[in-house]
Amino acid sequence: MSRLLAVMLLTLTATGAGAATAVTKCESSQDTLYTATPSCPAGYTNTTRTMRGSVVTVPRATPKARQAEMDYLQHQAQISQQIQAWDERDAEQDWRLMNVFWNQCRVLDYQIRGTEWAMEHTEYWSRADRYREAVNAARATQFQMGCFL
């Protein structure tokens, strides 16, 4: 039993030592290679000494920091919901404005059709001329508004 325990401890220490291997920086004229082995392959030179850097560790979050993060996330969620509500309101308003526009275009079209019908069925030429002028004015208004039915 003690022999099995000793083998397990040696295995754990060997894997633990392998996990903490250093990084070797190897450079050639074309590129840079980072390797876990202590020596560089042929054609590369070891430039590990020129590596500058530090390891930054992040401490565990304190309860106060976690609460601050939760408050921040809730605030961001509220802002997101408010922006979504604004977007929905703007889309609704745009839809209503387009609906009003097309209704105005339809009214002009019905007005033109009615005036043309009256022009065709009138007995007096003077009224037909006035109807024709009204139709031309309504068509000009349609064109200015951009009503292309």
C-alpha atoms as a PDB file:
ATOM      1  CA  MET A   1       0.000   0.000   0.000  1.00  0.00           C
ATOM      2  CA  SER A   2       2.803   2.422   0.881  1.00  0.00           C
ATOM      3  CA  ARG A   3       4.577   1.529  -2.370  1.00  0.00           C
ATOM      4  CA  LEU A   4       1.415   2.445  -4.349  1.00  0.00           C
ATOM      5  CA  LEU A   5       1.164   5.730  -2.439  1.00  0.00           C
ATOM      6  CA  ALA A   6       4.799   6.539  -3.222  1.00  0.00           C
ATOM      7  CA  VAL A   7       4.284   5.857  -6.946  1.00  0.00           C
ATOM      8  CA  MET A   8       1.205   8.068  -6.986  1.00  0.00           C
ATOM      9  CA  LEU A   9       3.062  10.905  -5.273  1.00  0.00           C
ATOM     10  CA  LEU A  10       5.941  10.647  -7.747  1.00  0.00           C
ATOM     11  CA  THR A  11       3.474  10.700 -10.645  1.00  0.00           C
ATOM     12  CA  LEU A  12       1.719  13.775  -9.278  1.00  0.00           C
ATOM     13  CA  THR A  13       4.968  15.659  -8.736  1.00  0.00           C
ATOM     14  CA  ALA A  14       6.197  14.740 -12.226  1.00  0.00           C
ATOM     15  CA  THR A  15       3.019  16.038 -13.879  1.00  0.00           C
ATOM     16  CA  GLY A  16       3.048  19.103 -11.662  1.00  0.00           C
ATOM     17  CA  ALA A  17       6.606  19.888 -12.702  1.00  0.00           C
ATOM     18  CA  GLY A  18       5.707  19.376 -16.361  1.00  0.00           C
ATOM     19  CA  ALA A  19       2.785  21.768 -16.083  1.00  0.00           C
ATOM     20  CA  ALA A  20       5.033  24.585 -14.924  1.00  0.00           C
ATOM     21  CA  THR A  21       7.427  24.536 -17.880  1.00  0.00           C
ATOM     22  CA  ALA A  22       8.918  27.796 -19.070  1.00  0.00           C
ATOM     23  CA  VAL A  23       8.398  29.237 -22.524  1.00  0.00           C
ATOM     24  CA  THR A  24      11.379  29.650 -24.824  1.00  0.00           C
ATOM     25  CA  LYS A  25      11.321  32.376 -27.470  1.00  0.00           C
ATOM     26  CA  CYS A  26      13.120  31.393 -30.676  1.00  0.00           C
ATOM     27  CA  GLU A  27      13.605  33.784 -33.593  1.00  0.00           C
ATOM     28  CA  SER A  28      14.778  33.398 -37.160  1.00  0.00           C
ATOM     29  CA  SER A  29      15.077  35.948 -39.953  1.00  0.00           C
ATOM     30  CA  GLN A  30      11.464  35.303 -41.021  1.00  0.00           C
ATOM     31  CA  ASP A  31       9.399  34.605 -37.917  1.00  0.00           C
ATOM     32  CA  THR A  32       9.218  34.049 -34.177  1.00  0.00           C
ATOM     33  CA  LEU A  33       8.519  30.696 -32.526  1.00  0.00           C
ATOM     34  CA  TYR A  34       7.494  30.074 -28.921  1.00  0.00           C
ATOM     35  CA  THR A  35       8.169  26.587 -27.620  1.00  0.00           C
ATOM     36  CA  ALA A  36       7.911  24.722 -24.339  1.00  0.00           C
ATOM     37  CA  THR A  37      11.256  23.005 -24.843  1.00  0.00           C
ATOM     38  CA  PRO A  38      14.378  24.695 -23.462  1.00  0.00           C
ATOM     39  CA  SER A  39      16.235  24.513 -26.798  1.00  0.00           C
ATOM     40  CA  CYS A  40      15.401  26.056 -30.180  1.00  0.00           C
ATOM     41  CA  PRO A  41      15.137  24.107 -33.453  1.00  0.00           C
ATOM     42  CA  ALA A  42      17.749  24.446 -36.190  1.00  0.00           C
ATOM     43  CA  GLY A  43      17.771  27.866 -37.849  1.00  0.00           C
ATOM     44  CA  TYR A  44      16.389  29.662 -34.797  1.00  0.00           C
ATOM     45  CA  THR A  45      18.239  31.552 -32.071  1.00  0.00           C
ATOM     46  CA  ASN A  46      17.188  31.636 -28.439  1.00  0.00           C
ATOM     47  CA  THR A  47      16.010  35.177 -27.547  1.00  0.00           C
ATOM     48  CA  THR A  48      14.231  34.368 -24.306  1.00  0.00           C
ATOM     49  CA  ARG A  49      16.238  36.989 -22.402  1.00  0.00           C
ATOM     50  CA  THR A  50      14.717  39.772 -24.530  1.00  0.00           C
ATOM     51  CA  MET A  51      11.187  38.819 -23.498  1.00  0.00           C
ATOM     52  CA  ARG A  52       9.751  41.402 -21.202  1.00  0.00           C
ATOM     53  CA  GLY A  53       6.545  40.886 -19.422  1.00  0.00           C
ATOM     54  CA  SER A  54       4.949  40.087 -16.189  1.00  0.00           C
ATOM     55  CA  VAL A  55       2.280  37.790 -14.954  1.00  0.00           C
ATOM     56  CA  VAL A  56      -0.814  39.549 -13.720  1.00  0.00           C
ATOM     57  CA  THR A  57      -3.031  37.736 -11.303  1.00  0.00           C
ATOM     58  CA  VAL A  58      -6.564  38.786 -10.632  1.00  0.00           C
ATOM     59  CA  PRO A  59      -7.656  38.434  -7.035  1.00  0.00           C
ATOM     60  CA  ARG A  60     -10.921  36.784  -6.177  1.00  0.00           C
ATOM     61  CA  ALA A  61     -13.873  39.083  -6.282  1.00  0.00           C
ATOM     62  CA  THR A  62     -15.020  40.388  -2.952  1.00  0.00           C
ATOM     63  CA  PRO A  63     -18.717  40.358  -2.086  1.00  0.00           C
ATOM     64  CA  LYS A  64     -18.765  44.136  -2.521  1.00  0.00           C
ATOM     65  CA  ALA A  65     -17.217  43.843  -5.996  1.00  0.00           C
ATOM     66  CA  ARG A  66     -19.683  41.105  -6.950  1.00  0.00           C
ATOM     67  CA  GLN A  67     -22.583  43.269  -5.778  1.00  0.00           C
ATOM     68  CA  ALA A  68     -21.241  46.229  -7.753  1.00  0.00           C
ATOM     69  CA  GLU A  69     -20.976  44.025 -10.843  1.00  0.00           C
ATOM     70  CA  MET A  70     -24.541  42.767 -10.378  1.00  0.00           C
ATOM     71  CA  ASP A  71     -25.783  46.348  -9.980  1.00  0.00           C
ATOM     72  CA  TYR A  72     -23.949  47.347 -13.140  1.00  0.00           C
ATOM     73  CA  LEU A  73     -25.412  44.414 -15.104  1.00  0.00           C
ATOM     74  CA  GLN A  74     -28.936  45.214 -13.874  1.00  0.00           C
ATOM     75  CA  HIS A  75     -28.462  48.845 -14.883  1.00  0.00           C
ATOM     76  CA  GLN A  76     -27.256  47.791 -18.334  1.00  0.00           C
ATOM     77  CA  ALA A  77     -30.272  45.480 -18.695  1.00  0.00           C
ATOM     78  CA  GLN A  78     -32.612  48.360 -17.807  1.00  0.00           C
ATOM     79  CA  ILE A  79     -30.923  50.614 -20.353  1.00  0.00           C
ATOM     80  CA  SER A  80     -31.190  47.863 -22.974  1.00  0.00           C
ATOM     81  CA  GLN A  81     -34.915  47.436 -22.276  1.00  0.00           C
ATOM     82  CA  GLN A  82     -35.461  51.185 -22.473  1.00  0.00           C
ATOM     83  CA  ILE A  83     -33.636  51.406 -25.819  1.00  0.00           C
ATOM     84  CA  GLN A  84     -35.671  48.478 -27.129  1.00  0.00           C
ATOM     85  CA  ALA A  85     -38.896  50.236 -26.056  1.00  0.00           C
ATOM     86  CA  TRP A  86     -37.759  53.418 -27.813  1.00  0.00           C
ATOM     87  CA  ASP A  87     -36.972  51.474 -30.983  1.00  0.00           C
ATOM     88  CA  GLU A  88     -40.397  49.813 -30.896  1.00  0.00           C
ATOM     89  CA  ARG A  89     -42.068  53.190 -30.379  1.00  0.00           C
ATOM     90  CA  ASP A  90     -40.105  54.699 -33.280  1.00  0.00           C
ATOM     91  CA  ALA A  91     -41.035  51.768 -35.530  1.00  0.00           C
ATOM     92  CA  GLU A  92     -44.707  52.183 -34.575  1.00  0.00           C
ATOM     93  CA  GLN A  93     -44.536  55.906 -35.299  1.00  0.00           C
ATOM     94  CA  ASP A  94     -42.843  55.299 -38.659  1.00  0.00           C
ATOM     95  CA  TRP A  95     -45.539  52.769 -39.552  1.00  0.00           C
ATOM     96  CA  ARG A  96     -48.279  55.236 -38.636  1.00  0.00           C
ATOM     97  CA  LEU A  97     -46.670  58.026 -40.676  1.00  0.00           C
ATOM     98  CA  MET A  98     -46.357  55.764 -43.731  1.00  0.00           C
ATOM     99  CA  ASN A  99     -49.986  54.727 -43.270  1.00  0.00           C
ATOM    100  CA  VAL A 100     -51.069  58.387 -43.189  1.00  0.00           C
ATOM    101  CA  PHE A 101     -48.981  59.119 -46.294  1.00  0.00           C
ATOM    102  CA  TRP A 102     -50.495  56.271 -48.317  1.00  0.00           C
ATOM    103  CA  ASN A 103     -53.993  57.205 -47.149  1.00  0.00           C
ATOM    104  CA  GLN A 104     -53.411  60.743 -48.419  1.00  0.00           C
ATOM    105  CA  CYS A 105     -52.250  59.297 -51.724  1.00  0.00           C
ATOM    106  CA  ARG A 106     -55.406  57.164 -51.939  1.00  0.00           C
ATOM    107  CA  VAL A 107     -57.596  60.157 -51.189  1.00  0.00           C
ATOM    108  CA  LEU A 108     -55.965  62.071 -54.035  1.00  0.00           C
ATOM    109  CA  ASP A 109     -56.442  59.083 -56.340  1.00  0.00           C
ATOM    110  CA  TYR A 110     -60.135  58.777 -55.420  1.00  0.00           C
ATOM    111  CA  GLN A 111     -60.531  62.526 -55.901  1.00  0.00           C
ATOM    112  CA  ILE A 112     -58.978  62.284 -59.372  1.00  0.00           C
ATOM    113  CA  ARG A 113     -61.178  59.322 -60.336  1.00  0.00           C
ATOM    114  CA  GLY A 114     -64.303  61.087 -59.135  1.00  0.00           C
ATOM    115  CA  THR A 115     -63.384  64.285 -60.943  1.00  0.00           C
ATOM    116  CA  GLU A 116     -62.649  62.365 -64.170  1.00  0.00           C
ATOM    117  CA  TRP A 117     -65.992  60.570 -63.888  1.00  0.00           C
ATOM    118  CA  ALA A 118     -67.755  63.910 -63.374  1.00  0.00           C
ATOM    119  CA  MET A 119     -65.849  65.358 -66.333  1.00  0.00           C
ATOM    120  CA  GLU A 120     -67.008  62.512 -68.595  1.00  0.00           C
ATOM    121  CA  HIS A 121     -70.632  62.748 -67.489  1.00  0.00           C
ATOM    122  CA  THR A 122     -71.161  66.520 -67.454  1.00  0.00           C
ATOM    123  CA  GLU A 123     -73.311  68.272 -69.990  1.00  0.00           C
ATOM    124  CA  TYR A 124     -71.466  71.574 -69.909  1.00  0.00           C
ATOM    125  CA  TRP A 125     -68.065  72.173 -71.512  1.00  0.00           C
ATOM    126  CA  SER A 126     -67.184  74.904 -69.052  1.00  0.00           C
ATOM    127  CA  ARG A 127     -67.506  72.487 -66.166  1.00  0.00           C
ATOM    128  CA  ALA A 128     -65.419  69.892 -68.031  1.00  0.00           C
ATOM    129  CA  ASP A 129     -62.602  72.437 -68.336  1.00  0.00           C
ATOM    130  CA  ARG A 130     -62.733  73.139 -64.601  1.00  0.00           C
ATOM    131  CA  TYR A 131     -62.753  69.390 -63.881  1.00  0.00           C
ATOM    132  CA  ARG A 132     -59.729  68.936 -66.170  1.00  0.00           C
ATOM    133  CA  GLU A 133     -57.858  71.698 -64.299  1.00  0.00           C
ATOM    134  CA  ALA A 134     -58.752  70.086 -60.975  1.00  0.00           C
ATOM    135  CA  VAL A 135     -57.479  66.703 -62.208  1.00  0.00           C
ATOM    136  CA  ASN A 136     -54.223  68.268 -63.396  1.00  0.00           C
ATOM    137  CA  ALA A 137     -53.759  70.039 -60.054  1.00  0.00           C
ATOM    138  CA  ALA A 138     -54.440  66.812 -58.125  1.00  0.00           C
ATOM    139  CA  ARG A 139     -51.966  64.893 -60.335  1.00  0.00           C
ATOM    140  CA  ALA A 140     -49.335  67.590 -59.723  1.00  0.00           C
ATOM    141  CA  THR A 141     -49.935  67.255 -55.975  1.00  0.00           C
ATOM    142  CA  GLN A 142     -49.567  63.488 -56.291  1.00  0.00           C
ATOM    143  CA  PHE A 143     -46.288  63.909 -58.142  1.00  0.00           C
ATOM    144  CA  GLN A 144     -44.957  66.431 -55.594  1.00  0.00           C
ATOM    145  CA  MET A 145     -45.850  64.110 -52.696  1.00  0.00           C
ATOM    146  CA  GLY A 146     -44.260  61.104 -54.374  1.00  0.00           C
ATOM    147  CA  CYS A 147     -47.452  59.082 -54.691  1.00  0.00           C
ATOM    148  CA  PHE A 148     -46.751  56.491 -57.362  1.00  0.00           C
ATOM    149  CA  LEU A 149     -49.546  53.948 -57.105  1.00  0.00           C
END
